[in-house]
Amino acid sequence: MTALPMQSIKGLIDKVDFAGKSFISINDMSNDQLLNMFELARNLELFNRDKIDLFPGAQAALLFFQPSTRTRMSFQTAMTRLGGAVISEANPQVTSSAAKEESLNDMIRCVAQYCNVLVLRHYDDVEAREAAKYSSTPVINGGWGHWEHPTQALLDLYTLWRKFGTIEGKKVVIAAADLIEARTGHSMAYGLARLGADVTLASPKASKVPEEVTKRIREELKIDIKEEFDFNKQTFNELISDQDLVYLPGCSAPAGATAEAFKKIMDDYFVQHETLDAAREKGHMIYVTHTLPRRAGEMDLAIDDTPNQLAFEAILHSVSIRMALLASILGN
């Protein structure tokens, strides 16, 4: 890939047309804006391990009320690659004034004064959505409650787009033993459906994707989306045998007495490498990606050493797509 002149990259930023805006939901961007940002990210891939001084002096604040490795570090990397700087609070319940019962609204009002863009991860999406209204600087949702995680979906959509050159017409199954709390799965369902993928949601019926998500896709966006329920390992692997992508948004197994029962349900949605091998021998490639961190029992780890895995390829793409998102918000 040949690097574009700086002026051309600035032109791509302008084309996204998102300067000064917050990114709270994947639905905050139009299809054209998403695709234009993918083009911007593709041209920024050259700087995944380098630097382009697009925003010297710009400051990003990372405020994370939940543990994070990839989201936090990729945003830190992305901002410094763009020539900016980062201030980070990774344990605010202990080291910030949240420990003194400061409200999130007040904290956001203050932290916004220190930065040009603020990335927030929070365990309560209702509280986070309300607090974002108090920010004087654009806010990025770095994962809120069980509602949405739009930047994770963004990088997974981008990875699929880079692999195929398009998302339209691709067959994707989003699968987990619990899709109620799979915030990334919710964001991904919106993005995939809007960009023309053939989407199937696979889970136990008792823990399906919230109706808020499916109803909006079907009734407001006027897009069909399939739901299939209550698999066993055999029927699930039959389902994925003709898919282009198996998307695993992960699930948190409960602790205590219900943990073993939940693990048995997880086993019904276990991706077997033999299924992928058989399809590959017939000339069909089934890609598998996981949002990470993953739990034992969600997929055969032997898949990591096959051409089918996309999870770790997505990690590299996370830098360039988050560079593109930050650049689009910071503007020219």
Protein backbone atom coordinates (compact mmCIF):
# COMPACT_ATOMS: atom_id res chain seq x y z
CA MET A 1 0.00 0.00 0.00
CA THR A 2 1.32 3.45 -0.95
CA ALA A 3 0.86 6.24 1.56
CA LEU A 4 -1.48 9.03 0.52
CA PRO A 5 -0.28 12.62 0.77
CA MET A 6 -1.31 14.35 4.01
CA GLN A 7 -3.79 16.51 2.11
CA SER A 8 -5.52 13.44 0.71
CA ILE A 9 -5.89 11.94 4.18
CA LYS A 10 -7.39 15.21 5.35
CA GLY A 11 -9.77 14.96 2.42
CA LEU A 12 -10.84 11.49 3.56
CA ILE A 13 -11.45 12.88 7.07
CA ASP A 14 -13.67 15.59 5.59
CA LYS A 15 -15.55 12.97 3.57
CA VAL A 16 -16.58 11.12 6.75
CA ASP A 17 -18.21 14.39 7.87
CA PHE A 18 -18.30 13.58 11.59
CA ALA A 19 -16.21 16.39 13.11
CA GLY A 20 -17.17 17.41 16.63
CA LYS A 21 -19.76 14.65 17.05
CA SER A 22 -20.09 11.98 19.74
CA PHE A 23 -20.09 8.28 18.88
CA ILE A 24 -22.52 6.73 21.34
CA SER A 25 -24.14 4.09 19.11
CA ILE A 26 -23.17 2.41 15.85
CA ASN A 27 -26.33 4.07 14.54
CA ASP A 28 -24.85 7.54 15.05
CA MET A 29 -23.15 7.15 11.66
CA SER A 30 -24.87 6.67 8.32
CA ASN A 31 -23.86 3.81 6.03
CA ASP A 32 -21.90 6.23 3.85
CA GLN A 33 -20.06 7.62 6.87
CA LEU A 34 -19.12 4.11 8.01
CA LEU A 35 -17.84 3.13 4.58
CA ASN A 36 -15.95 6.42 4.18
CA MET A 37 -14.34 5.83 7.57
CA PHE A 38 -13.30 2.34 6.43
CA GLU A 39 -11.49 3.97 3.48
CA LEU A 40 -9.80 6.39 5.87
CA ALA A 41 -8.75 3.54 8.16
CA ARG A 42 -7.33 1.56 5.25
CA ASN A 43 -5.07 4.51 4.41
CA LEU A 44 -4.05 4.87 8.05
CA GLU A 45 -2.98 1.23 8.35
CA LEU A 46 0.54 2.26 7.36
CA PHE A 47 0.75 4.08 10.69
CA ASN A 48 -0.33 1.18 12.91
CA ARG A 49 3.29 0.99 14.07
CA ASP A 50 4.40 4.45 13.03
CA LYS A 51 3.24 8.03 13.52
CA ILE A 52 1.41 10.64 11.50
CA ASP A 53 1.25 14.05 13.15
CA LEU A 54 -2.30 14.93 12.20
CA PHE A 55 -3.28 16.23 15.64
CA PRO A 56 -0.24 17.44 17.61
CA GLY A 57 -1.45 18.89 20.88
CA ALA A 58 -4.80 17.09 20.84
CA GLN A 59 -5.68 15.28 24.05
CA ALA A 60 -7.85 12.20 24.57
CA ALA A 61 -9.17 11.31 28.01
CA LEU A 62 -9.89 7.63 28.72
CA LEU A 63 -12.25 7.07 31.64
CA PHE A 64 -12.77 3.35 32.22
CA PHE A 65 -15.05 2.13 35.04
CA GLN A 66 -14.70 -1.49 33.90
CA PRO A 67 -11.60 -3.58 33.16
CA SER A 68 -10.22 -3.32 29.64
CA THR A 69 -7.10 -4.35 27.79
CA ARG A 70 -7.79 -4.02 24.08
CA THR A 71 -10.23 -1.10 23.96
CA ARG A 72 -8.21 1.07 26.32
CA MET A 73 -4.79 0.27 24.88
CA SER A 74 -5.87 0.52 21.24
CA PHE A 75 -7.36 3.98 21.87
CA GLN A 76 -4.15 5.01 23.62
CA THR A 77 -2.12 3.68 20.70
CA ALA A 78 -4.40 5.29 18.12
CA MET A 79 -4.24 8.73 19.71
CA THR A 80 -0.45 8.72 20.07
CA ARG A 81 -0.07 7.47 16.47
CA LEU A 82 -2.05 10.54 15.38
CA GLY A 83 0.43 12.77 17.22
CA GLY A 84 -1.82 13.48 20.19
CA ALA A 85 -1.56 12.65 23.87
CA VAL A 86 -3.62 10.62 26.35
CA ILE A 87 -4.70 10.97 29.95
CA SER A 88 -6.16 7.79 31.39
CA GLU A 89 -8.13 6.75 34.45
CA ALA A 90 -8.29 2.97 34.51
CA ASN A 91 -9.55 2.42 38.05
CA PRO A 92 -11.78 5.39 38.87
CA GLN A 93 -13.77 3.59 41.55
CA VAL A 94 -10.60 3.59 43.65
CA THR A 95 -8.34 6.40 42.46
CA SER A 96 -10.78 9.09 41.29
CA SER A 97 -13.40 11.16 43.08
CA ALA A 98 -15.94 8.45 42.24
CA ALA A 99 -14.54 6.86 45.41
CA LYS A 100 -15.86 9.96 47.19
CA GLU A 101 -19.28 9.51 45.59
CA GLU A 102 -18.88 12.13 42.88
CA SER A 103 -21.62 11.75 40.29
CA LEU A 104 -20.70 10.67 36.78
CA ASN A 105 -22.38 13.82 35.47
CA ASP A 106 -20.03 16.04 37.45
CA MET A 107 -16.99 13.96 36.58
CA ILE A 108 -17.73 14.14 32.86
CA ARG A 109 -18.25 17.90 33.08
CA CYS A 110 -14.80 18.25 34.64
CA VAL A 111 -12.82 15.73 32.57
CA ALA A 112 -14.22 17.22 29.36
CA GLN A 113 -12.32 20.42 30.19
CA TYR A 114 -9.01 18.56 29.93
CA CYS A 115 -9.42 16.98 26.50
CA ASN A 116 -10.55 17.18 22.89
CA VAL A 117 -12.31 13.82 22.98
CA LEU A 118 -13.40 11.57 25.85
CA VAL A 119 -13.66 7.76 25.75
CA LEU A 120 -15.91 6.34 28.47
CA ARG A 121 -16.45 2.74 29.55
CA HIS A 122 -19.14 2.27 32.17
CA TYR A 123 -21.13 -0.54 33.76
CA ASP A 124 -24.45 1.38 33.63
CA ASP A 125 -25.58 2.43 30.16
CA VAL A 126 -28.44 4.58 31.47
CA GLU A 127 -26.08 6.54 33.72
CA ALA A 128 -23.49 6.81 30.94
CA ARG A 129 -25.98 8.05 28.35
CA GLU A 130 -27.22 10.70 30.75
CA ALA A 131 -23.70 11.80 31.74
CA ALA A 132 -22.61 12.12 28.10
CA LYS A 133 -25.09 14.99 27.76
CA TYR A 134 -22.99 16.99 30.23
CA SER A 135 -19.79 16.78 28.20
CA SER A 136 -18.55 19.86 26.38
CA THR A 137 -16.34 17.65 24.21
CA PRO A 138 -17.26 14.66 21.99
CA VAL A 139 -17.79 11.38 23.83
CA ILE A 140 -17.03 7.89 22.51
CA ASN A 141 -18.83 4.89 23.96
CA GLY A 142 -16.11 2.43 24.95
CA GLY A 143 -18.70 -0.12 26.13
CA TRP A 144 -21.73 0.82 28.24
CA GLY A 145 -23.57 -1.68 30.39
CA HIS A 146 -25.24 -4.42 28.36
CA TRP A 147 -26.46 -1.91 25.78
CA GLU A 148 -23.84 -1.27 23.04
CA HIS A 149 -20.10 -1.39 22.38
CA PRO A 150 -19.99 0.40 19.02
CA THR A 151 -16.23 0.73 18.57
CA GLN A 152 -15.76 -3.04 18.99
CA ALA A 153 -18.42 -3.63 16.34
CA LEU A 154 -16.75 -0.97 14.22
CA LEU A 155 -13.42 -2.79 14.16
CA ASP A 156 -15.10 -6.15 13.47
CA LEU A 157 -17.14 -4.65 10.62
CA TYR A 158 -13.94 -3.11 9.27
CA THR A 159 -12.10 -6.43 9.51
CA LEU A 160 -14.88 -8.14 7.55
CA TRP A 161 -14.83 -5.33 4.97
CA ARG A 162 -11.04 -5.63 4.60
CA LYS A 163 -11.31 -9.40 4.18
CA PHE A 164 -14.02 -9.38 1.51
CA GLY A 165 -14.03 -5.82 0.16
CA THR A 166 -17.72 -5.62 1.04
CA ILE A 167 -20.17 -6.60 3.76
CA GLU A 168 -23.22 -6.72 1.53
CA GLY A 169 -24.49 -10.25 0.96
CA LYS A 170 -22.13 -11.92 3.44
CA LYS A 171 -23.69 -14.56 5.66
CA VAL A 172 -22.93 -13.93 9.33
CA VAL A 173 -24.14 -15.70 12.44
CA ILE A 174 -23.86 -13.90 15.79
CA ALA A 175 -23.86 -16.63 18.43
CA ALA A 176 -23.59 -16.97 22.21
CA ALA A 177 -25.13 -18.78 25.11
CA ASP A 178 -26.40 -15.38 26.26
CA LEU A 179 -27.15 -12.59 23.78
CA ILE A 180 -29.09 -10.47 26.27
CA GLU A 181 -25.93 -8.99 27.77
CA ALA A 182 -23.72 -9.22 24.67
CA ARG A 183 -23.42 -5.49 24.03
CA THR A 184 -21.02 -5.97 21.12
CA GLY A 185 -23.46 -8.39 19.52
CA HIS A 186 -26.16 -5.70 19.66
CA SER A 187 -23.95 -3.11 17.94
CA MET A 188 -22.76 -5.68 15.42
CA ALA A 189 -26.32 -6.75 14.57
CA TYR A 190 -27.20 -3.16 13.71
CA GLY A 191 -24.07 -2.60 11.64
CA LEU A 192 -24.20 -5.87 9.73
CA ALA A 193 -27.90 -5.53 8.92
CA ARG A 194 -27.54 -1.92 7.78
CA LEU A 195 -24.57 -2.71 5.54
CA GLY A 196 -26.41 -5.53 3.79
CA ALA A 197 -25.23 -8.73 5.45
CA ASP A 198 -27.46 -11.78 5.83
CA VAL A 199 -27.61 -11.95 9.64
CA THR A 200 -28.67 -14.82 11.90
CA LEU A 201 -28.82 -14.47 15.69
CA ALA A 202 -28.26 -17.82 17.43
CA SER A 203 -28.85 -18.30 21.14
CA PRO A 204 -31.14 -19.96 23.65
CA LYS A 205 -34.60 -18.44 23.32
CA ALA A 206 -34.56 -17.51 26.99
CA SER A 207 -31.50 -15.29 26.44
CA LYS A 208 -32.06 -13.89 22.96
CA VAL A 209 -31.06 -10.43 21.74
CA PRO A 210 -33.27 -7.81 23.42
CA GLU A 211 -36.41 -6.96 21.47
CA GLU A 212 -35.35 -3.31 21.46
CA VAL A 213 -32.58 -4.27 19.01
CA THR A 214 -34.46 -6.66 16.72
CA LYS A 215 -37.57 -4.48 16.65
CA ARG A 216 -35.57 -1.45 15.61
CA ILE A 217 -33.84 -3.40 12.83
CA ARG A 218 -37.10 -4.85 11.51
CA GLU A 219 -39.54 -2.00 12.04
CA GLU A 220 -37.50 1.21 11.94
CA LEU A 221 -34.71 0.19 9.57
CA LYS A 222 -37.01 -2.13 7.55
CA ILE A 223 -34.34 -4.84 7.37
CA ASP A 224 -34.89 -8.57 7.80
CA ILE A 225 -32.88 -10.38 10.46
CA LYS A 226 -33.19 -14.04 11.40
CA GLU A 227 -33.30 -15.52 14.89
CA GLU A 228 -32.76 -19.23 15.60
CA PHE A 229 -32.84 -20.77 19.03
CA ASP A 230 -31.99 -23.68 21.30
CA PHE A 231 -29.23 -25.55 19.51
CA ASN A 232 -27.11 -28.48 20.49
CA LYS A 233 -23.51 -28.76 19.39
CA GLN A 234 -24.37 -30.74 16.27
CA THR A 235 -27.20 -28.51 15.04
CA PHE A 236 -25.18 -25.37 15.78
CA ASN A 237 -22.24 -26.60 13.72
CA GLU A 238 -24.65 -27.51 10.94
CA LEU A 239 -25.93 -23.92 11.05
CA ILE A 240 -22.48 -22.38 10.70
CA SER A 241 -21.33 -24.75 7.95
CA ASP A 242 -22.40 -22.39 5.15
CA GLN A 243 -21.70 -19.04 6.85
CA ASP A 244 -19.00 -16.57 5.84
CA LEU A 245 -18.38 -15.42 9.40
CA VAL A 246 -19.14 -16.79 12.86
CA TYR A 247 -19.18 -13.85 15.25
CA LEU A 248 -18.72 -14.64 18.92
CA PRO A 249 -19.42 -11.60 21.11
CA GLY A 250 -18.50 -13.54 24.22
CA CYS A 251 -20.51 -14.14 27.34
CA SER A 252 -19.75 -13.93 31.04
CA ALA A 253 -20.49 -17.22 32.74
CA PRO A 254 -22.17 -16.67 36.10
CA ALA A 255 -20.44 -17.64 39.30
CA GLY A 256 -21.68 -19.97 41.97
CA ALA A 257 -24.30 -22.67 41.66
CA THR A 258 -25.47 -21.72 38.16
CA ALA A 259 -21.98 -21.69 36.62
CA GLU A 260 -21.86 -25.37 35.65
CA ALA A 261 -25.33 -25.29 34.10
CA PHE A 262 -24.36 -22.25 32.05
CA LYS A 263 -21.18 -23.92 30.83
CA LYS A 264 -23.29 -26.81 29.52
CA ILE A 265 -25.33 -24.31 27.52
CA MET A 266 -22.10 -22.76 26.20
CA ASP A 267 -21.11 -26.18 24.95
CA ASP A 268 -24.14 -26.17 22.64
CA TYR A 269 -22.63 -23.16 20.82
CA PHE A 270 -19.09 -24.51 20.60
CA VAL A 271 -17.37 -23.87 17.26
CA GLN A 272 -15.61 -27.08 16.15
CA HIS A 273 -12.55 -26.78 13.95
CA GLU A 274 -13.68 -29.95 12.11
CA THR A 275 -16.66 -27.97 10.77
CA LEU A 276 -14.34 -25.34 9.36
CA ASP A 277 -11.92 -27.93 7.97
CA ALA A 278 -14.72 -29.76 6.16
CA ALA A 279 -16.01 -26.55 4.59
CA ARG A 280 -12.51 -25.49 3.56
CA GLU A 281 -11.94 -28.84 1.84
CA LYS A 282 -15.07 -28.11 -0.20
CA GLY A 283 -13.71 -24.70 -1.18
CA HIS A 284 -15.71 -22.62 1.33
CA MET A 285 -13.96 -20.53 3.98
CA ILE A 286 -15.78 -19.92 7.25
CA TYR A 287 -14.07 -17.18 9.23
CA VAL A 288 -14.40 -17.09 13.01
CA THR A 289 -13.82 -14.08 15.21
CA HIS A 290 -14.22 -13.45 18.91
CA THR A 291 -14.38 -10.05 20.56
CA LEU A 292 -12.06 -11.24 23.37
CA PRO A 293 -11.47 -11.98 26.14
CA ARG A 294 -12.79 -15.47 25.55
CA ARG A 295 -13.66 -18.27 27.91
CA ALA A 296 -12.70 -21.90 27.55
CA GLY A 297 -15.56 -23.70 25.88
CA GLU A 298 -16.63 -21.09 23.32
CA MET A 299 -14.50 -22.31 20.43
CA ASP A 300 -11.83 -24.86 19.65
CA LEU A 301 -8.54 -23.04 20.22
CA ALA A 302 -6.99 -25.09 17.41
CA ILE A 303 -8.79 -22.62 15.12
CA ASP A 304 -6.17 -20.02 16.13
CA ASP A 305 -3.62 -21.80 13.96
CA THR A 306 -5.83 -22.04 10.87
CA PRO A 307 -6.58 -19.49 8.15
CA ASN A 308 -10.13 -19.31 9.52
CA GLN A 309 -9.41 -17.15 12.58
CA LEU A 310 -9.91 -13.39 12.37
CA ALA A 311 -9.83 -12.44 16.05
CA PHE A 312 -6.16 -11.50 16.18
CA GLU A 313 -6.18 -9.92 12.73
CA ALA A 314 -8.94 -7.70 14.08
CA ILE A 315 -6.68 -6.57 16.92
CA LEU A 316 -4.25 -5.01 14.46
CA HIS A 317 -7.13 -3.40 12.56
CA SER A 318 -8.40 -1.94 15.84
CA VAL A 319 -5.59 0.62 15.80
CA SER A 320 -6.24 2.00 12.32
CA ILE A 321 -10.04 2.06 12.66
CA ARG A 322 -9.83 3.83 16.02
CA MET A 323 -7.33 6.24 14.49
CA ALA A 324 -9.92 6.88 11.79
CA LEU A 325 -12.70 7.36 14.34
CA LEU A 326 -10.65 9.80 16.42
CA ALA A 327 -9.53 11.67 13.30
CA SER A 328 -13.10 11.89 12.03
CA ILE A 329 -14.27 13.36 15.35
CA LEU A 330 -11.33 15.74 15.72
CA GLY A 331 -11.74 16.86 12.11
CA ASN A 332 -9.33 19.16 10.31
